[in-house]
C-alpha cells in the first residue's frame, strides 16, 4: 500500500528546470513542472506540429514538392482533358444521331425526333405576339419581290402533290456524259461542264451533308420538301455548310473532278432521290 502511494507522489512531484550562468552561477531562467504537466505539454506540442504541417501542405504550394503530387500545369491539363472528353462525347452522340437521320431520310423513313425539356419557369400563356410596323413593311416588300419568282411557292410542302408540278433548276449547263442506269447502280446523271463552273441548287431546301469521300470527292446533299433529296458529287470545292438554307438556283459548289474513283475529268454527278428511291434526273431537268 505504501508503495502505491509512493508512485502517486512521484507522478505529482514537481521538478524544476533552470538555466544557470556557468561563470557567476546566477539562475537565468527556470520552470517548474510535474510529470503530468510535462506529458500534456509534449502532447500539445506534437499535435500543434502535426496540425501546422498538414495545414501548410494542404493550403500552400509546398505540396507540389511532394513526389507524385500534380503541379498546377498538370492539374490544368487534367481539367482541360476532362472538358475536351465531355465535348467529344457530345459531338460523337450528335454525329451518330445525324447519320442515323440521314440514313432514315434516304430510306424514306421518318427521322428520329429530338425532344428537349420545356422551360416551365416562364409564363408562356401570357405572351402576346404582335407585329411591328417594320416587320409588316418587310413582309410586304419580300412578297412583292417574290411575286414573279417561278421557284417561290408560299406553302410549298402543302401545295405540291406531284413531282410533275415541281420546277427543278438545272444545277449546271453542259453535255450529259453518263446516263441514269439503275442496273449498273449508276443512280445519277453525269454532266460535263466548264471547269470552275458554279453548281446551283435544284430546289429550295436545307443542306444536310457536306464532306469528302475517297470515291466521289467533295459531296453536298440538300433536303427538299416532299421527301426529295438532291446529291452533287465530284465538286472542286463546296460553298455551303451543313444546316444552311438555300434557294433554287443558288450556287452551292464548284464543278471539279475530285475523288480517286468514278471520275475522269471535270464534271458533275447529280442525283435525285424521292422517298428513298432514285429518279432519272433527265426526266425532270433539261441540262
Protein backbone atom coordinates (compact mmCIF):
# COMPACT_ATOMS: atom_id res chain seq x y z
CA UNK A 1 0.00 0.00 0.00
CA UNK A 2 2.84 2.37 0.83
CA UNK A 3 4.49 1.53 -2.48
CA UNK A 4 1.40 2.58 -4.45
CA UNK A 5 1.19 5.86 -2.52
CA UNK A 6 4.86 6.48 -3.30
CA UNK A 7 4.18 6.05 -7.06
CA UNK A 8 1.33 8.58 -6.89
CA UNK A 9 3.52 11.07 -5.06
CA UNK A 10 6.28 10.62 -7.70
CA UNK A 11 3.74 11.31 -10.51
CA UNK A 12 2.70 14.55 -8.84
CA UNK A 13 6.13 15.62 -7.66
CA UNK A 14 7.32 18.94 -9.03
CA UNK A 15 10.60 19.31 -10.90
CA UNK A 16 12.45 22.47 -11.62
CA UNK A 17 14.35 23.08 -14.86
CA UNK A 18 16.71 26.03 -14.74
CA UNK A 19 19.40 27.70 -16.82
CA UNK A 20 22.44 28.90 -14.75
CA UNK A 21 25.28 31.19 -15.77
CA UNK A 22 28.37 29.00 -15.56
CA UNK A 23 30.60 31.90 -14.51
CA UNK A 24 28.52 33.68 -11.88
CA UNK A 25 26.24 30.73 -11.05
CA UNK A 26 23.31 33.11 -11.46
CA UNK A 27 19.99 31.44 -12.32
CA UNK A 28 18.88 32.96 -15.61
CA UNK A 29 15.65 31.02 -16.31
CA UNK A 30 13.63 28.36 -14.54
CA UNK A 31 10.39 26.47 -14.86
CA UNK A 32 8.59 24.10 -12.56
CA UNK A 33 6.71 21.14 -13.98
CA UNK A 34 5.21 17.90 -12.82
CA UNK A 35 5.32 14.73 -14.87
CA UNK A 36 1.63 15.20 -15.67
CA UNK A 37 2.15 18.78 -16.89
CA UNK A 38 5.21 17.76 -18.89
CA UNK A 39 3.21 15.00 -20.61
CA UNK A 40 0.42 17.43 -21.53
CA UNK A 41 2.91 19.99 -22.80
CA UNK A 42 4.73 17.49 -25.02
CA UNK A 43 1.40 16.14 -26.35
CA UNK A 44 0.21 19.67 -27.21
CA UNK A 45 3.48 20.48 -28.99
CA UNK A 46 3.33 17.26 -31.04
CA UNK A 47 -0.29 17.89 -32.06
CA UNK A 48 0.49 21.51 -32.92
CA UNK A 49 3.44 20.49 -35.11
CA UNK A 50 1.34 17.86 -36.88
CA UNK A 51 -1.56 20.29 -37.45
CA UNK A 52 0.72 23.06 -38.69
CA UNK A 53 2.48 20.68 -41.10
CA UNK A 54 -0.79 19.36 -42.52
CA UNK A 55 -2.16 22.91 -42.92
CA UNK A 56 0.96 24.12 -44.71
CA UNK A 57 0.92 21.15 -47.09
CA UNK A 58 -2.83 21.43 -47.76
CA UNK A 59 -3.17 25.19 -48.25
CA UNK A 60 0.18 26.25 -49.72
CA UNK A 61 2.20 25.40 -52.84
CA UNK A 62 4.65 23.39 -50.77
CA UNK A 63 2.52 20.31 -51.50
CA UNK A 64 3.74 20.47 -55.11
CA UNK A 65 7.20 19.42 -53.93
CA UNK A 66 5.81 16.10 -52.68
CA UNK A 67 6.88 13.35 -55.12
CA UNK A 68 3.93 12.21 -57.23
CA UNK A 69 1.69 15.18 -56.42
CA UNK A 70 0.47 17.00 -59.60
CA UNK A 71 1.56 20.60 -60.08
CA UNK A 72 -0.58 23.48 -61.39
CA UNK A 73 0.17 22.71 -65.04
CA UNK A 74 -0.66 19.04 -64.66
CA UNK A 75 -3.95 19.79 -62.88
CA UNK A 76 -4.87 22.29 -65.59
CA UNK A 77 -4.13 19.71 -68.29
CA UNK A 78 -6.23 17.10 -66.45
CA UNK A 79 -9.15 19.54 -66.21
CA UNK A 80 -8.91 20.54 -69.88
CA UNK A 81 -8.68 16.88 -70.91
CA UNK A 82 -11.86 16.12 -68.96
CA UNK A 83 -13.66 19.05 -70.62
CA UNK A 84 -12.48 18.00 -74.09
CA UNK A 85 -13.53 14.41 -73.44
CA UNK A 86 -17.01 15.53 -72.42
CA UNK A 87 -17.30 17.71 -75.53
CA UNK A 88 -16.05 14.84 -77.71
CA UNK A 89 -18.69 12.50 -76.29
CA UNK A 90 -21.41 15.04 -77.06
CA UNK A 91 -20.09 15.57 -80.61
CA UNK A 92 -19.98 11.80 -81.21
CA UNK A 93 -23.56 11.50 -79.99
CA UNK A 94 -24.68 14.32 -82.29
CA UNK A 95 -22.79 12.74 -85.21
CA UNK A 96 -24.38 9.34 -84.62
CA UNK A 97 -27.85 10.93 -84.46
CA UNK A 98 -27.09 12.93 -87.60
CA UNK A 99 -26.03 9.90 -89.66
CA UNK A 100 -28.99 7.93 -88.35
CA UNK A 101 -31.32 10.69 -89.58
CA UNK A 102 -29.53 10.81 -92.95
CA UNK A 103 -29.99 7.06 -93.41
CA UNK A 104 -33.64 7.37 -92.43
CA UNK A 105 -34.21 10.21 -94.91
CA UNK A 106 -32.54 8.32 -97.76
CA UNK A 107 -34.57 5.22 -96.94
CA UNK A 108 -37.78 7.24 -96.99
CA UNK A 109 -38.38 6.84 -93.28
CA UNK A 110 -39.23 9.47 -90.71
CA UNK A 111 -36.15 10.87 -88.95
CA UNK A 112 -35.90 10.46 -85.22
CA UNK A 113 -37.32 13.42 -83.37
CA UNK A 114 -35.23 15.15 -80.74
CA UNK A 115 -37.16 16.21 -77.67
CA UNK A 116 -35.97 18.97 -75.41
CA UNK A 117 -37.09 19.73 -71.88
CA UNK A 118 -39.54 22.62 -71.74
CA UNK A 119 -38.66 25.56 -69.57
CA UNK A 120 -41.54 25.84 -67.11
CA UNK A 121 -40.18 28.90 -65.33
CA UNK A 122 -41.76 31.33 -67.78
CA UNK A 123 -45.42 32.26 -68.14
CA UNK A 124 -45.74 31.42 -71.82
CA UNK A 125 -49.56 31.57 -71.86
CA UNK A 126 -49.46 35.28 -71.05
CA UNK A 127 -47.15 36.12 -74.00
CA UNK A 128 -48.83 38.20 -76.69
CA UNK A 129 -47.44 38.17 -80.20
CA UNK A 130 -47.73 41.45 -82.04
CA UNK A 131 -46.47 42.59 -85.43
CA UNK A 132 -44.39 45.73 -85.57
CA UNK A 133 -44.76 48.23 -88.44
CA UNK A 134 -41.20 47.42 -89.57
CA UNK A 135 -41.99 43.69 -89.78
CA UNK A 136 -45.16 44.35 -91.78
CA UNK A 137 -43.24 46.56 -94.21
CA UNK A 138 -40.51 43.92 -94.64
CA UNK A 139 -43.07 41.17 -95.20
CA UNK A 140 -44.84 43.24 -97.87
CA UNK A 141 -41.51 44.01 -99.58
CA UNK A 142 -40.48 40.34 -99.71
CA UNK A 143 -43.87 39.23 -101.03
CA UNK A 144 -43.75 41.92 -103.71
CA UNK A 145 -40.22 40.91 -104.80
CA UNK A 146 -41.06 37.19 -104.92
CA UNK A 147 -44.41 37.63 -106.68
CA UNK A 148 -43.00 36.73 -110.13
CA UNK A 149 -40.40 34.20 -108.94
CA UNK A 150 -41.33 30.85 -110.54
CA UNK A 151 -39.41 28.95 -107.86
CA UNK A 152 -41.22 30.60 -104.97
CA UNK A 153 -44.31 28.95 -103.52
CA UNK A 154 -45.60 30.16 -100.12
CA UNK A 155 -46.87 26.79 -98.87
CA UNK A 156 -44.50 24.58 -100.84
CA UNK A 157 -44.81 21.46 -98.71
CA UNK A 158 -48.60 21.53 -98.79
CA UNK A 159 -49.41 22.82 -102.25
CA UNK A 160 -47.23 20.47 -104.37
CA UNK A 161 -48.58 16.94 -104.54
CA UNK A 162 -46.81 15.65 -107.65
CA UNK A 163 -43.25 15.80 -108.98
CA UNK A 164 -44.65 16.95 -112.31
CA UNK A 165 -45.65 20.24 -110.68
CA UNK A 166 -42.11 20.95 -109.43
CA UNK A 167 -39.78 23.28 -111.26
CA UNK A 168 -36.26 21.84 -110.98
CA UNK A 169 -33.48 24.32 -111.61
CA UNK A 170 -30.63 22.86 -113.73
CA UNK A 171 -27.58 22.53 -111.46
CA UNK A 172 -25.22 23.09 -114.42
CA UNK A 173 -25.44 23.54 -118.16
CA UNK A 174 -23.37 21.07 -120.18
CA UNK A 175 -23.24 17.76 -122.00
CA UNK A 176 -24.58 14.56 -120.47
CA UNK A 177 -21.73 12.05 -120.41
CA UNK A 178 -23.28 9.39 -118.22
CA UNK A 179 -26.95 8.49 -118.05
CA UNK A 180 -29.02 7.15 -115.21
CA UNK A 181 -28.90 3.34 -115.14
CA UNK A 182 -30.27 1.50 -112.14
CA UNK A 183 -28.99 -1.86 -113.44
CA UNK A 184 -25.37 -0.73 -113.11
CA UNK A 185 -26.15 1.13 -109.86
CA UNK A 186 -25.47 4.46 -111.54
CA UNK A 187 -28.15 6.39 -109.71
CA UNK A 188 -27.50 9.80 -111.25
CA UNK A 189 -26.54 11.75 -114.34
CA UNK A 190 -23.02 12.90 -115.23
CA UNK A 191 -22.84 16.37 -116.80
CA UNK A 192 -19.61 17.65 -118.35
CA UNK A 193 -19.28 21.38 -117.78
CA UNK A 194 -16.60 24.03 -117.90
CA UNK A 195 -14.06 23.76 -115.06
CA UNK A 196 -14.78 26.01 -112.10
CA UNK A 197 -18.42 26.45 -113.20
CA UNK A 198 -20.86 27.09 -110.33
CA UNK A 199 -23.23 24.29 -109.32
CA UNK A 200 -26.72 25.51 -108.38
CA UNK A 201 -29.35 24.02 -106.09
CA UNK A 202 -32.15 22.27 -107.95
CA UNK A 203 -34.85 23.30 -105.42
CA UNK A 204 -35.26 25.24 -102.23
CA UNK A 205 -34.03 23.27 -99.26
CA UNK A 206 -31.60 22.71 -96.41
CA UNK A 207 -28.06 21.36 -96.70
CA UNK A 208 -27.96 18.09 -94.75
CA UNK A 209 -24.46 16.86 -95.62
CA UNK A 210 -21.15 18.33 -96.75
CA UNK A 211 -17.99 16.26 -96.84
CA UNK A 212 -15.37 14.40 -98.81
CA UNK A 213 -15.22 10.73 -99.77
CA UNK A 214 -12.47 8.78 -101.48
CA UNK A 215 -14.78 7.63 -104.28
CA UNK A 216 -16.74 10.80 -105.10
CA UNK A 217 -14.61 13.64 -103.67
CA UNK A 218 -16.43 16.67 -102.32
CA UNK A 219 -20.14 15.92 -101.89
CA UNK A 220 -23.08 18.09 -100.87
CA UNK A 221 -26.62 16.85 -100.19
CA UNK A 222 -29.73 19.02 -99.93
CA UNK A 223 -33.04 18.06 -98.33
CA UNK A 224 -36.08 19.48 -100.14
CA UNK A 225 -39.79 19.38 -99.25
CA UNK A 226 -41.89 16.31 -100.14
CA UNK A 227 -39.09 13.85 -99.17
CA UNK A 228 -36.83 14.91 -102.04
CA UNK A 229 -33.04 14.83 -101.68
CA UNK A 230 -30.58 16.08 -104.31
CA UNK A 231 -26.94 14.99 -104.35
CA UNK A 232 -24.00 16.76 -106.02
CA UNK A 233 -20.67 14.87 -106.31
CA UNK A 234 -17.09 15.37 -107.63
CA UNK A 235 -17.05 19.08 -106.73
CA UNK A 236 -13.84 21.09 -106.65
CA UNK A 237 -15.00 22.95 -103.55
CA UNK A 238 -18.17 23.49 -101.51
CA UNK A 239 -19.79 26.88 -100.96
CA UNK A 240 -22.28 25.86 -98.28
CA UNK A 241 -22.14 24.14 -94.93
CA UNK A 242 -24.43 21.68 -93.20
CA UNK A 243 -27.55 23.43 -91.94
CA UNK A 244 -27.52 26.28 -94.48
CA UNK A 245 -30.79 27.20 -96.18
CA UNK A 246 -30.54 27.50 -99.98
CA UNK A 247 -32.85 28.70 -102.73
CA UNK A 248 -33.32 27.15 -106.14
CA UNK A 249 -30.59 28.40 -108.49
CA UNK A 250 -28.30 29.48 -105.66
CA UNK A 251 -24.66 28.31 -106.12
CA UNK A 252 -23.72 25.58 -103.64
CA UNK A 253 -20.42 24.26 -105.07
CA UNK A 254 -17.89 24.43 -107.91
CA UNK A 255 -17.55 21.87 -110.72
CA UNK A 256 -14.44 19.72 -110.38
CA UNK A 257 -13.05 16.19 -110.64
CA UNK A 258 -12.34 15.39 -107.00
CA UNK A 259 -12.32 11.79 -105.84
CA UNK A 260 -10.00 8.93 -106.63
CA UNK A 261 -12.67 6.74 -108.28
CA UNK A 262 -15.51 7.24 -110.78
CA UNK A 263 -14.06 10.43 -112.30
CA UNK A 264 -12.10 11.13 -115.48
CA UNK A 265 -12.36 14.90 -115.73
CA UNK A 266 -14.31 17.95 -114.59
CA UNK A 267 -17.98 17.02 -114.38
CA UNK A 268 -20.93 16.90 -112.00
CA UNK A 269 -22.59 13.71 -110.85
CA UNK A 270 -26.15 14.73 -109.97
CA UNK A 271 -28.73 12.53 -108.22
CA UNK A 272 -32.39 12.96 -107.22
CA UNK A 273 -33.91 10.75 -104.52
CA UNK A 274 -37.64 10.67 -103.81
CA UNK A 275 -38.82 8.84 -100.67
CA UNK A 276 -35.63 6.78 -100.65
CA UNK A 277 -35.76 5.79 -104.35
CA UNK A 278 -33.50 7.23 -107.10
CA UNK A 279 -35.04 9.13 -110.02
CA UNK A 280 -33.72 9.79 -113.50
CA UNK A 281 -32.72 13.49 -113.46
CA UNK A 282 -33.11 13.79 -117.26
CA UNK A 283 -36.86 13.14 -116.90
CA UNK A 284 -37.21 16.25 -114.73
CA UNK A 285 -34.42 18.60 -115.81
CA UNK A 286 -33.22 19.82 -119.19
CA UNK A 287 -29.43 20.07 -118.97
